[in-house]
């Protein structure tokens, strides 16, 4: 029987949550990726801005090809990444749909224009370096959207299960 079907005598129209994947685990893994990415970028940019400009990531020095060094802008970017990371950690700790969906969509929205910039300006750092730059940002966009979608789906199915169980609980009283 699938979700929404009426089964044998005595069965309810309740969604089959036992066959659904472990959505909270998927949501937490998405949030964990976003937290780790934000920590790596944010800590380097905020606390080691010169290193971030000259060497990040793993000695590639991608930023040098994109213009002169600005400690102020580098540290601001790091602070923004860490701010988003704190909000993402809070969503992971609370696991409420509004927090999770909000931060996942915010992460995707923030990463998308950044990804587009790297794709459009691929000649600045070269095609080979653009692949990991844009690729990582693409993964961030996808993970943000997957986290939001899975959280929304989990919220809907939980509400359906709760609504389906309510009449049965009311008849017992």
Foldseek 3Di string as FASTA:
>chain_A
DAQQDDDDPPDFNAGDPVPDPPLLVLLLVLLVVLLVVLCVQLCCQQVPVVCCQQQPPPGLNLNVLVDDGDNVVSNVVSVVSVVLSVLSVVCNVVVDLVSSLVSLQVQLVVLVVQLVVLVVPVVSSHPVVSCVRNVVSVVSNVSSVVSNVSSVVVVVSVVRNVVRCVVVVVVVD
